[in-house]
Protein backbone atom coordinates (compact mmCIF):
# COMPACT_ATOMS: atom_id res chain seq x y z
CA MET A 1 0.18 -0.04 0.05
CA ILE A 2 1.29 3.67 -0.69
CA ASN A 3 1.61 5.59 1.92
CA ARG A 4 0.36 9.23 1.59
CA GLU A 5 0.14 11.91 4.02
CA LYS A 6 -3.65 11.88 4.75
CA PRO A 7 -4.31 11.03 1.29
CA SER A 8 -7.57 12.49 0.49
CA LEU A 9 -10.02 12.74 -2.40
CA ALA A 10 -11.38 16.15 -1.29
CA TYR A 11 -9.74 18.03 -4.11
CA LEU A 12 -12.46 15.95 -6.27
CA GLY A 13 -15.35 16.97 -4.37
CA ILE A 14 -15.49 13.46 -2.27
CA ASN A 15 -15.32 14.51 1.32
CA SER A 16 -15.27 10.72 2.27
CA ASN A 17 -17.11 9.43 5.55
CA ARG A 18 -15.60 6.15 5.06
CA SER A 19 -12.53 4.29 4.14
CA VAL A 20 -10.74 5.47 1.10
CA HIS A 21 -8.14 2.65 -0.19
CA TRP A 22 -5.42 3.92 -2.16
CA ASN A 23 -3.54 1.70 -4.74
CA ILE A 24 -3.60 -1.50 -2.51
CA SER A 25 -2.21 -4.53 -3.78
CA ALA A 26 -4.13 -7.07 -5.94
CA PHE A 27 -4.19 -9.61 -2.98
CA ASP A 28 -6.00 -6.93 -0.63
CA LEU A 29 -8.49 -6.22 -3.38
CA ILE A 30 -9.42 -9.74 -3.96
CA SER A 31 -9.86 -10.21 -0.10
CA ASN A 32 -12.12 -7.32 0.17
CA SER A 33 -14.19 -8.24 -2.89
CA ILE A 34 -14.79 -11.76 -1.07
CA LEU A 35 -15.04 -10.08 2.52
CA ASP A 36 -18.00 -7.86 0.90
CA HIS A 37 -19.61 -11.18 -0.84
CA LYS A 38 -19.40 -9.47 -4.14
CA CYS A 39 -17.32 -12.28 -5.39
CA GLU A 40 -16.06 -15.70 -5.07
CA LEU A 41 -12.50 -17.27 -5.99
CA THR A 42 -12.90 -19.90 -8.59
CA SER A 43 -10.91 -23.41 -8.55
CA SER A 44 -8.28 -21.93 -11.06
CA GLY A 45 -7.58 -19.09 -8.51
CA ALA A 46 -9.15 -16.33 -10.30
CA LEU A 47 -11.61 -14.07 -8.74
CA ALA A 48 -15.54 -14.23 -10.29
CA CYS A 49 -17.74 -11.54 -10.00
CA ASN A 50 -21.46 -10.56 -11.40
CA THR A 51 -21.75 -7.44 -12.87
CA GLY A 52 -25.47 -7.52 -12.24
CA LYS A 53 -28.00 -5.72 -14.60
CA PHE A 54 -25.65 -4.62 -17.19
CA THR A 55 -23.14 -7.65 -18.54
CA GLY A 56 -22.10 -5.46 -21.92
CA ARG A 57 -21.67 -1.61 -23.12
CA SER A 58 -24.57 0.59 -23.17
CA PRO A 59 -23.61 2.69 -26.31
CA LYS A 60 -26.85 4.74 -26.32
CA ASP A 61 -26.03 5.96 -22.90
CA LYS A 62 -22.59 7.34 -23.67
CA TYR A 63 -22.23 11.08 -23.60
CA ILE A 64 -19.54 13.84 -24.18
CA VAL A 65 -19.81 17.19 -22.77
CA VAL A 66 -20.75 19.98 -25.43
CA ASP A 67 -18.59 22.80 -25.16
CA ASP A 68 -16.27 25.16 -27.34
CA LEU A 69 -13.62 22.55 -27.59
CA THR A 70 -15.79 20.00 -28.88
CA GLU A 71 -18.63 21.30 -30.21
CA ASN A 72 -17.41 21.89 -33.88
CA ASN A 73 -15.03 18.84 -33.57
CA ILE A 74 -16.94 15.88 -32.54
CA TRP A 75 -18.59 13.59 -34.97
CA TRP A 76 -22.11 13.87 -33.12
CA GLY A 77 -25.01 11.93 -33.77
CA GLU A 78 -25.71 8.13 -33.72
CA VAL A 79 -22.57 7.11 -31.96
CA ASN A 80 -21.52 10.56 -29.70
CA HIS A 81 -24.58 12.27 -27.99
CA LYS A 82 -24.45 15.74 -26.29
CA LEU A 83 -24.53 16.50 -22.66
CA SER A 84 -24.51 20.23 -21.49
CA THR A 85 -21.87 21.44 -19.12
CA GLU A 86 -25.16 22.49 -16.50
CA SER A 87 -26.15 18.72 -16.91
CA PHE A 88 -22.65 17.31 -16.21
CA GLU A 89 -21.79 19.61 -13.22
CA ARG A 90 -25.22 18.57 -11.55
CA LEU A 91 -24.31 14.46 -12.35
CA TYR A 92 -20.94 15.18 -10.87
CA ARG A 93 -22.00 16.84 -7.89
CA LYS A 94 -24.37 14.31 -7.44
CA VAL A 95 -21.49 11.05 -8.03
CA THR A 96 -19.01 12.79 -5.68
CA LEU A 97 -21.72 12.99 -3.11
CA TYR A 98 -22.62 9.45 -3.47
CA LEU A 99 -19.01 8.41 -3.35
CA SER A 100 -18.33 10.27 -0.09
CA ASN A 101 -20.99 8.19 2.00
CA ARG A 102 -18.86 4.72 0.92
CA ASP A 103 -15.54 3.10 0.90
CA ALA A 104 -13.92 4.04 -2.41
CA TYR A 105 -10.88 2.77 -4.38
CA VAL A 106 -8.27 4.55 -5.78
CA ARG A 107 -6.19 3.28 -8.73
CA ASP A 108 -3.52 5.29 -10.26
CA VAL A 109 -2.56 3.45 -14.02
CA PHE A 110 -0.84 4.63 -17.32
CA ALA A 111 -2.36 3.93 -20.88
CA CYS A 112 0.01 3.68 -23.59
CA ALA A 113 3.44 1.69 -23.43
CA ALA A 114 4.93 4.16 -25.53
CA LYS A 115 6.29 6.63 -23.04
CA ASP A 116 6.36 9.60 -25.20
CA TYR A 117 2.58 9.35 -25.44
CA ARG A 118 1.68 7.99 -21.93
CA LEU A 119 -1.70 9.12 -20.30
CA LYS A 120 -2.17 9.19 -16.47
CA ILE A 121 -5.19 8.35 -15.33
CA ARG A 122 -6.70 8.30 -11.62
CA VAL A 123 -9.83 5.70 -11.14
CA VAL A 124 -12.15 5.80 -7.87
CA THR A 125 -14.19 2.71 -7.95
CA GLU A 126 -16.85 1.92 -5.58
CA TYR A 127 -16.01 -1.85 -5.70
CA ALA A 128 -12.84 -3.40 -5.08
CA TRP A 129 -13.16 -6.05 -7.76
CA GLN A 130 -13.94 -2.73 -10.14
CA SER A 131 -10.17 -1.67 -9.01
CA LEU A 132 -8.58 -4.81 -9.55
CA PHE A 133 -10.19 -4.66 -13.20
CA VAL A 134 -8.32 -1.23 -13.88
CA TYR A 135 -5.28 -2.91 -12.23
CA ASN A 136 -5.29 -5.79 -14.68
CA LEU A 137 -6.10 -3.74 -17.81
CA PHE A 138 -3.89 -0.49 -17.63
CA LEU A 139 -0.25 -0.42 -17.27
CA ARG A 140 0.85 -0.29 -13.92
CA PRO A 141 3.41 2.28 -12.47
CA ASN A 142 6.02 1.48 -10.09
CA ILE A 143 6.46 2.90 -6.32
CA GLN A 144 8.48 5.26 -7.53
CA GLU A 145 6.19 6.68 -10.10
CA LEU A 146 3.34 6.37 -7.98
CA SER A 147 4.81 8.44 -5.31
CA LYS A 148 5.01 11.43 -7.74
CA PHE A 149 1.66 10.52 -9.54
CA VAL A 150 -0.09 13.59 -10.48
CA GLU A 151 -3.18 12.72 -13.03
CA ASP A 152 -4.18 13.52 -16.54
CA TRP A 153 -7.67 12.48 -16.11
CA VAL A 154 -9.77 11.22 -13.53
CA ILE A 155 -12.91 8.41 -13.68
CA LEU A 156 -15.42 8.18 -11.17
CA ALA A 157 -17.26 4.76 -11.72
CA ALA A 158 -20.25 4.53 -9.36
CA PRO A 159 -22.54 1.30 -10.15
CA GLY A 160 -25.06 1.78 -7.38
CA PHE A 161 -25.55 5.85 -8.21
CA ILE A 162 -28.83 5.27 -10.28
CA GLY A 163 -29.08 8.51 -12.70
CA ASP A 164 -32.51 10.41 -12.97
CA PRO A 165 -33.40 10.54 -16.70
CA LYS A 166 -35.46 13.56 -16.06
CA GLU A 167 -33.61 15.69 -13.74
CA ASP A 168 -30.42 14.40 -15.29
CA ASP A 169 -31.15 15.20 -18.94
CA ILE A 170 -29.93 11.38 -19.87
CA ARG A 171 -31.52 8.53 -21.36
CA SER A 172 -31.96 5.89 -18.74
CA GLU A 173 -30.51 5.41 -15.36
CA ASN A 174 -26.92 4.39 -16.63
CA PHE A 175 -24.21 6.61 -18.22
CA THR A 176 -20.72 7.08 -19.47
CA VAL A 177 -20.00 10.95 -19.77
CA ILE A 178 -16.61 12.01 -20.97
CA ASN A 179 -15.83 15.70 -20.60
CA PHE A 180 -12.72 16.54 -22.18
CA LYS A 181 -12.25 20.03 -21.57
CA LYS A 182 -12.17 18.93 -17.66
CA LYS A 183 -10.58 15.67 -18.48
CA VAL A 184 -13.20 13.84 -16.28
CA ILE A 185 -15.45 10.75 -17.05
CA LEU A 186 -18.22 10.04 -14.78
CA ILE A 187 -19.74 6.14 -15.14
CA GLY A 188 -22.70 5.71 -13.10
CA GLY A 189 -25.75 2.74 -12.80
CA THR A 190 -23.59 -0.15 -14.70
CA ALA A 191 -21.11 -1.91 -12.98
CA TYR A 192 -19.90 -3.57 -16.27
CA THR A 193 -16.04 -3.01 -16.26
CA GLY A 194 -15.68 -2.51 -19.99
CA GLU A 195 -17.23 0.96 -20.10
CA ILE A 196 -13.91 1.95 -18.19
CA LYS A 197 -11.88 0.67 -20.45
CA LYS A 198 -13.57 1.88 -23.57
CA ALA A 199 -13.98 5.14 -22.39
CA VAL A 200 -10.48 5.47 -21.96
CA PHE A 201 -10.13 4.18 -25.44
CA THR A 202 -12.25 6.85 -26.74
CA VAL A 203 -10.25 9.37 -25.12
CA LEU A 204 -6.90 8.13 -26.75
CA ASN A 205 -9.01 8.24 -30.46
CA TYR A 206 -9.62 12.00 -29.43
CA ILE A 207 -5.90 12.89 -28.23
CA LEU A 208 -3.77 10.81 -30.43
CA PRO A 209 -5.02 11.25 -33.76
CA GLN A 210 -5.01 15.36 -33.33
CA ASP A 211 -2.14 16.07 -30.72
CA ARG A 212 0.36 13.51 -31.57
CA ASN A 213 -0.34 12.36 -35.27
CA VAL A 214 -0.65 8.61 -33.93
CA LEU A 215 -3.29 6.34 -35.32
CA PRO A 216 -5.14 4.52 -32.73
CA MET A 217 -6.57 1.10 -33.38
CA HIS A 218 -9.02 -1.45 -32.57
CA CYS A 219 -6.48 -4.36 -33.08
CA SER A 220 -4.32 -6.95 -31.79
CA ALA A 221 -0.80 -7.28 -32.69
CA ASN A 222 1.74 -9.57 -32.24
CA VAL A 223 5.52 -10.15 -33.45
CA GLY A 224 7.66 -12.84 -34.98
CA GLU A 225 10.77 -14.03 -34.82
CA ARG A 226 12.60 -11.86 -37.48
CA GLY A 227 10.82 -8.88 -35.42
CA ASP A 228 7.91 -8.50 -37.99
CA THR A 229 4.87 -7.25 -36.77
CA ALA A 230 1.30 -8.19 -37.84
CA ILE A 231 -1.67 -6.14 -36.74
CA PHE A 232 -5.79 -7.90 -36.67
CA PHE A 233 -8.36 -5.66 -36.77
CA GLY A 234 -11.82 -7.24 -36.12
CA LEU A 235 -14.88 -6.95 -34.36
CA SER A 236 -16.12 -9.12 -31.53
CA GLY A 237 -16.48 -13.04 -32.74
CA THR A 238 -14.23 -12.47 -35.69
CA GLY A 239 -10.87 -14.10 -34.03
CA LYS A 240 -9.03 -11.06 -33.40
CA THR A 241 -7.91 -12.30 -29.87
CA THR A 242 -7.48 -15.88 -30.89
CA LEU A 243 -5.13 -15.42 -34.53
CA SER A 244 -3.08 -12.69 -32.23
CA ALA A 245 -2.29 -15.36 -29.49
CA ASP A 246 0.02 -17.58 -31.77
CA PRO A 247 2.75 -19.95 -30.22
CA GLU A 248 5.01 -19.16 -32.55
CA ARG A 249 4.90 -15.30 -32.29
CA LYS A 250 4.82 -12.83 -29.08
CA LEU A 251 1.76 -10.97 -28.29
CA ILE A 252 2.22 -7.02 -28.03
CA GLY A 253 -1.33 -6.65 -26.97
CA ASP A 254 -5.09 -8.41 -27.72
CA ASP A 255 -7.08 -5.23 -28.32
CA GLU A 256 -6.27 -1.87 -28.52
CA HIS A 257 -2.82 -0.03 -30.15
CA GLY A 258 -1.34 3.26 -31.42
CA TRP A 259 0.84 3.70 -34.27
CA ASP A 260 3.51 6.20 -34.99
CA ALA A 261 5.91 6.69 -37.25
CA ASN A 262 8.33 4.40 -35.69
CA SER A 263 6.20 1.72 -33.93
CA VAL A 264 3.11 -0.13 -32.83
CA PHE A 265 2.52 0.17 -29.17
CA ASN A 266 -0.19 -1.42 -26.66
CA LEU A 267 -2.32 1.05 -25.51
CA GLU A 268 -3.03 -1.03 -22.20
CA GLY A 269 -1.16 -3.40 -19.80
CA GLY A 270 -3.68 -6.23 -20.19
CA CYS A 271 -6.11 -8.58 -21.85
CA TYR A 272 -10.06 -8.55 -21.61
CA ALA A 273 -10.83 -11.91 -23.11
CA LYS A 274 -14.19 -13.43 -23.99
CA CYS A 275 -14.35 -16.86 -22.46
CA VAL A 276 -17.51 -18.26 -24.05
CA ASN A 277 -16.74 -22.13 -24.47
CA LEU A 278 -12.86 -21.60 -23.66
CA SER A 279 -11.07 -24.57 -23.33
CA ARG A 280 -7.37 -25.25 -22.74
CA GLU A 281 -7.06 -27.42 -26.19
CA LYS A 282 -8.39 -24.51 -28.22
CA GLU A 283 -7.30 -21.45 -26.39
CA PRO A 284 -4.01 -22.53 -23.93
CA GLN A 285 -2.63 -19.30 -23.63
CA ILE A 286 -5.91 -17.66 -22.18
CA PHE A 287 -6.77 -20.31 -20.68
CA ASN A 288 -3.84 -20.62 -18.84
CA ALA A 289 -3.81 -17.13 -17.99
CA ILE A 290 -7.16 -17.20 -15.98
CA LYS A 291 -5.48 -17.80 -12.33
CA PHE A 292 -4.97 -16.00 -9.34
CA GLY A 293 -5.20 -12.38 -10.01
CA ALA A 294 -7.36 -12.68 -12.84
CA LEU A 295 -11.07 -11.62 -13.02
CA LEU A 296 -13.57 -12.93 -14.52
CA GLU A 297 -17.39 -11.66 -15.32
CA ASN A 298 -20.48 -13.41 -15.15
CA VAL A 299 -19.61 -17.05 -15.38
CA ARG A 300 -21.39 -19.94 -13.72
CA PHE A 301 -20.00 -22.95 -12.37
CA PHE A 302 -20.32 -26.60 -12.61
CA PRO A 303 -22.89 -27.84 -9.94
CA LYS A 304 -21.48 -28.27 -6.51
CA SER A 305 -17.67 -27.06 -7.56
CA GLN A 306 -15.97 -23.87 -7.87
CA VAL A 307 -14.95 -24.99 -11.52
CA VAL A 308 -16.17 -22.67 -14.13
CA ASP A 309 -18.34 -24.03 -17.24
CA TYR A 310 -17.17 -21.74 -19.87
CA THR A 311 -20.11 -23.43 -21.90
CA ASP A 312 -22.94 -22.04 -19.57
CA THR A 313 -23.81 -18.54 -21.27
CA SER A 314 -27.31 -18.36 -18.82
CA ILE A 315 -25.90 -14.99 -17.39
CA THR A 316 -24.57 -13.90 -20.78
CA GLU A 317 -22.66 -14.65 -24.07
CA ASN A 318 -20.33 -11.79 -23.21
CA THR A 319 -18.67 -13.57 -20.65
CA ARG A 320 -15.00 -12.00 -19.97
CA ALA A 321 -11.50 -12.73 -18.32
CA ALA A 322 -9.37 -9.52 -17.31
CA TYR A 323 -5.61 -10.06 -16.44
CA PRO A 324 -2.48 -8.40 -16.99
CA ILE A 325 -0.62 -8.97 -19.85
CA ASP A 326 2.32 -10.70 -18.49
CA PHE A 327 -0.05 -13.58 -17.51
CA MET A 328 0.47 -14.83 -20.91
CA ASP A 329 3.74 -16.78 -21.73
CA ASN A 330 4.38 -15.18 -25.15
CA ILE A 331 4.68 -11.56 -25.10
CA VAL A 332 6.74 -8.65 -25.98
CA GLU A 333 8.21 -6.59 -23.32
CA PRO A 334 7.71 -3.62 -23.44
CA SER A 335 4.54 -4.05 -25.29
CA ILE A 336 6.17 -2.22 -28.61
CA GLY A 337 6.55 -3.36 -31.91
CA LYS A 338 7.92 -2.13 -35.28
CA PRO A 339 5.32 -0.63 -37.92
CA PRO A 340 3.58 -3.67 -39.79
CA GLU A 341 4.62 -5.39 -42.31
CA ASN A 342 1.17 -7.27 -42.70
CA ILE A 343 -2.26 -6.04 -41.69
CA PHE A 344 -5.36 -8.46 -41.67
CA LEU A 345 -8.98 -7.07 -41.88
CA LEU A 346 -10.94 -9.63 -39.94
CA THR A 347 -14.52 -10.65 -40.77
CA ALA A 348 -17.36 -13.26 -39.63
CA ASP A 349 -18.97 -13.63 -43.23
CA ALA A 350 -22.48 -14.97 -42.23
CA PHE A 351 -23.34 -14.80 -45.77
CA GLY A 352 -20.84 -16.91 -46.97
CA VAL A 353 -19.68 -14.84 -49.79
CA LEU A 354 -16.19 -13.49 -49.11
CA PRO A 355 -13.14 -15.30 -49.92
CA PRO A 356 -11.35 -16.91 -47.02
CA ILE A 357 -8.55 -14.93 -47.50
CA SER A 358 -7.89 -11.85 -50.26
CA LYS A 359 -4.74 -9.44 -50.80
CA LEU A 360 -6.11 -5.83 -50.82
CA SER A 361 -4.88 -2.62 -53.01
CA VAL A 362 -4.28 0.39 -50.90
CA ARG A 363 -7.86 2.03 -51.83
CA GLN A 364 -9.45 -1.35 -51.09
CA ALA A 365 -7.96 -1.19 -47.64
CA MET A 366 -9.06 2.09 -46.68
CA TYR A 367 -12.47 0.80 -47.91
CA HIS A 368 -12.86 -1.99 -46.10
CA PHE A 369 -11.31 -0.18 -43.14
CA ILE A 370 -13.92 2.55 -42.74
CA SER A 371 -16.66 -0.38 -43.72
CA GLY A 372 -15.43 -2.39 -40.70
CA TYR A 373 -17.98 -5.12 -42.01
CA THR A 374 -19.01 -8.47 -40.00
CA SER A 375 -22.16 -10.50 -39.59
CA LYS A 376 -24.29 -11.87 -36.84
CA VAL A 377 -25.73 -14.88 -37.28
CA ALA A 378 -29.61 -14.78 -36.44
CA GLY A 379 -30.85 -15.36 -32.84
CA THR A 380 -33.64 -16.73 -31.47
CA GLU A 381 -36.19 -13.98 -32.06
CA ILE A 382 -39.14 -15.13 -34.14
CA GLY A 383 -39.21 -13.83 -37.74
CA VAL A 384 -35.44 -13.78 -37.70
CA GLU A 385 -34.17 -16.24 -40.59
CA GLU A 386 -31.45 -14.38 -41.89
CA PRO A 387 -27.69 -13.20 -40.83
CA GLN A 388 -27.45 -9.40 -39.57
CA ILE A 389 -25.07 -7.02 -41.36
CA THR A 390 -23.11 -5.29 -39.25
CA PHE A 391 -20.73 -2.09 -40.26
CA SER A 392 -18.79 -0.46 -37.47
CA ALA A 393 -16.71 2.13 -39.22
CA CYS A 394 -12.33 1.65 -38.47
CA PHE A 395 -13.91 -1.79 -36.29
CA ALA A 396 -14.13 0.73 -33.82
CA LYS A 397 -17.50 2.98 -34.48
CA PRO A 398 -18.77 3.25 -30.64
CA PHE A 399 -15.46 4.53 -29.95
CA LEU A 400 -14.63 7.26 -32.40
CA PRO A 401 -15.18 10.60 -31.52
CA LEU A 402 -13.92 11.99 -34.38
CA HIS A 403 -15.47 11.53 -37.98
CA PRO A 404 -14.33 7.99 -39.61
CA VAL A 405 -12.70 9.49 -42.51
CA ARG A 406 -10.07 11.28 -40.30
CA TYR A 407 -8.92 7.95 -39.37
CA ALA A 408 -9.01 6.11 -42.37
CA SER A 409 -7.27 8.72 -44.01
CA MET A 410 -4.23 8.29 -41.06
CA LEU A 411 -3.96 4.58 -42.48
CA GLY A 412 -4.21 5.27 -45.95
CA GLU A 413 -1.23 8.04 -45.69
CA LYS A 414 0.52 4.84 -43.72
CA LEU A 415 -0.10 2.38 -46.39
CA LYS A 416 1.00 4.64 -49.16
CA SER A 417 4.49 5.47 -47.63
CA ALA A 418 5.39 2.15 -46.89
CA SER A 419 5.55 -1.52 -48.15
CA ILE A 420 2.41 -2.91 -46.27
CA LYS A 421 0.51 -5.93 -47.20
CA VAL A 422 -3.12 -6.17 -46.22
CA TRP A 423 -5.07 -9.08 -46.15
CA LEU A 424 -9.08 -9.38 -45.71
CA ILE A 425 -9.61 -12.70 -43.71
CA ASN A 426 -13.47 -14.28 -43.56
CA THR A 427 -13.44 -16.33 -40.85
CA GLY A 428 -17.07 -17.00 -41.00
CA TRP A 429 -19.37 -19.34 -43.63
CA THR A 430 -18.47 -21.08 -46.86
CA GLY A 431 -20.27 -23.17 -48.90
CA GLY A 432 -23.48 -21.34 -48.38
CA SER A 433 -24.91 -18.80 -45.46
CA TYR A 434 -25.47 -19.64 -42.41
CA GLY A 435 -27.45 -22.55 -41.82
CA THR A 436 -26.54 -24.00 -44.58
CA GLY A 437 -23.06 -23.56 -45.11
CA LYS A 438 -20.27 -24.54 -42.48
CA ARG A 439 -17.81 -22.66 -40.57
CA ILE A 440 -14.47 -22.03 -41.77
CA LYS A 441 -12.11 -24.34 -39.51
CA LEU A 442 -9.70 -22.27 -37.25
CA GLU A 443 -6.94 -24.73 -38.75
CA TYR A 444 -7.46 -23.39 -42.32
CA THR A 445 -7.68 -19.83 -40.90
CA ARG A 446 -4.34 -20.39 -39.23
CA ALA A 447 -2.76 -21.70 -41.90
CA MET A 448 -3.72 -18.92 -44.31
CA VAL A 449 -2.44 -16.23 -41.94
CA THR A 450 0.75 -18.39 -41.47
CA ALA A 451 1.20 -18.21 -45.24
CA ALA A 452 0.62 -14.79 -45.73
CA LEU A 453 2.97 -13.69 -42.52
CA ASN A 454 6.14 -16.27 -43.73
CA GLY A 455 5.84 -14.91 -47.50
CA HIS A 456 4.37 -18.39 -48.97
CA LEU A 457 1.63 -16.28 -50.57
CA ASP A 458 3.98 -13.72 -52.10
CA ARG A 459 5.21 -16.94 -54.19
CA VAL A 460 1.52 -18.18 -55.84
CA ASP A 461 -0.83 -16.83 -58.29
CA PHE A 462 -3.86 -14.67 -57.57
CA GLN A 463 -7.12 -14.65 -59.32
CA LYS A 464 -9.75 -11.85 -58.99
CA HIS A 465 -13.06 -11.91 -57.19
CA LYS A 466 -15.53 -11.24 -60.10
CA LEU A 467 -17.81 -8.88 -57.90
CA PHE A 468 -15.87 -7.87 -54.98
CA GLU A 469 -12.32 -7.23 -57.15
CA VAL A 470 -10.14 -8.77 -54.46
CA GLU A 471 -7.15 -10.94 -55.30
CA MET A 472 -7.61 -14.50 -54.22
CA PRO A 473 -4.60 -16.82 -53.81
CA VAL A 474 -4.71 -19.93 -56.01
CA SER A 475 -3.42 -22.15 -53.39
CA CYS A 476 -2.40 -21.96 -50.06
CA PRO A 477 -0.45 -25.19 -48.02
CA GLY A 478 -2.89 -26.64 -45.65
CA VAL A 479 -5.91 -25.31 -47.18
CA PRO A 480 -8.19 -27.18 -49.48
CA THR A 481 -7.84 -25.53 -52.79
CA ALA A 482 -11.61 -25.28 -53.53
CA LEU A 483 -12.06 -23.15 -50.13
CA LEU A 484 -9.98 -20.27 -51.47
CA ASN A 485 -12.61 -19.35 -54.05
CA PRO A 486 -15.84 -19.17 -52.52
CA GLU A 487 -18.12 -19.48 -55.39
CA ASN A 488 -16.45 -22.89 -55.92
CA THR A 489 -18.11 -24.02 -52.55
CA TRP A 490 -21.53 -23.32 -53.12
CA ALA A 491 -23.64 -26.26 -54.91
CA ASN A 492 -26.10 -23.45 -56.31
CA LYS A 493 -23.80 -20.84 -58.32
CA ASN A 494 -26.49 -18.88 -59.16
CA GLU A 495 -27.53 -18.38 -55.64
CA TYR A 496 -24.01 -17.42 -54.69
CA GLU A 497 -24.15 -14.59 -57.15
CA ILE A 498 -27.50 -13.42 -55.83
CA THR A 499 -26.13 -13.39 -52.25
CA ALA A 500 -22.98 -11.97 -53.24
CA LYS A 501 -24.55 -8.87 -55.05
CA LYS A 502 -27.02 -8.52 -52.28
CA LEU A 503 -23.79 -7.87 -49.68
CA ALA A 504 -22.01 -5.87 -52.32
CA ASP A 505 -25.15 -3.68 -52.43
CA GLU A 506 -25.07 -3.36 -48.30
CA PHE A 507 -21.36 -2.50 -48.94
CA SER A 508 -22.45 0.48 -51.30
CA LYS A 509 -25.36 1.72 -49.29
CA ASN A 510 -23.20 2.06 -46.31
CA PHE A 511 -19.96 3.39 -48.20
CA LYS A 512 -22.38 6.54 -49.44
CA LYS A 513 -22.51 8.31 -45.77
CA TYR A 514 -18.84 8.64 -46.16
CA LYS A 515 -18.10 9.40 -49.47
CA GLU A 516 -18.93 12.64 -49.66
CA TYR A 517 -17.02 13.71 -46.29
């Protein structure tokens, strides 16, 4: 525990009548979480918690304070909702009063592994396990750094505080509010820790491009034996974490990175892995990282045991594990690599029409980057019979405070100035759409990624897809040749063309909103 002379949060307006725990150890956070009857230990030693009503992010309840700094700069609309300075001040007073009457946990952390861009963040949380999450996910200062820590940003997270939509000018009882002028983030009404993580990412998506000419990216990244960096863009369920956790390559990070003139660097100090259907056989590195010190969210146990049943999604399919990156056994230290030689744009195409791997030109790379396509399979709702198309600009739409074209233009400039290969990888379906076709085997996807990384695909012929115009390799080690051209895997070629045209039309319709920017 860091000793300070009468440590106080009074300067934030939190005049605590209860205990304030300053940067206490992970062991103490775990102990307090169990003593408060909010968490329990699993058989692996990880701490398991339940985040309550909210088991995922609530993007419609994210706000940015509108003022002279942000009014003409933010990409307002569907993603970024306005909140007045008056409403923010009212909420701030309420949240600080609420925290004044509860035990509080203070955690001082860094964002950005590259020290030139390091952001110092003070996070005040209501629950001990929230503080453990912050400790695990961000970069951990040493004792000397903590002794002289002066924060750039403050986060106040009060899940027990319930907002008043009428009085507070918000949509519902929960909220995440970012004030760029005061450098404060308020989170209330939700205990889902991903709100903390993605609020920081949103801040970095604002600061890094404008102030530092750094491209922030929603991607994983790893490094090969010869020092070559690969980055993997992709939305949830496309394989971003799985494909970057390669035993033959060292992990830089699994989710958020910055790319400057000389490097790719992790924005975080930990991993927040989805663990639905997790197994030692399929993902051994992630499975083995879930040990004492790790935090599991919304998992269930096998009956009469503390053994986690990762197939149980009765609380949510969005079960998560948060752990420091050094819990992985094959990482880069510090979490920094060279600029990428290969970029993979991942999509889970449930229509089964995109090639499992294809090479993109710079123009195509920018197009697919700003499209950010994937698809969600039909759920259990009555009448939902087809896959649902999802476009998330730059593979990060909910976290973009600036217009997506700003980020896509930065990517284009980097691609034009260097010899970087960009690949579109379909980890979804082949031989037909979801319900008819089959999911592309992970072993095939890994083989294709490996062939791209080791240069084998530089020595094979390519053919152009007649509709999407991407370049498809005619052969790849470890992959059936017929699989490489998706049309070959469909029994009904006419049906393939109709389905492919339907998806291409959706791409064009989505792109219109960016074309005239």
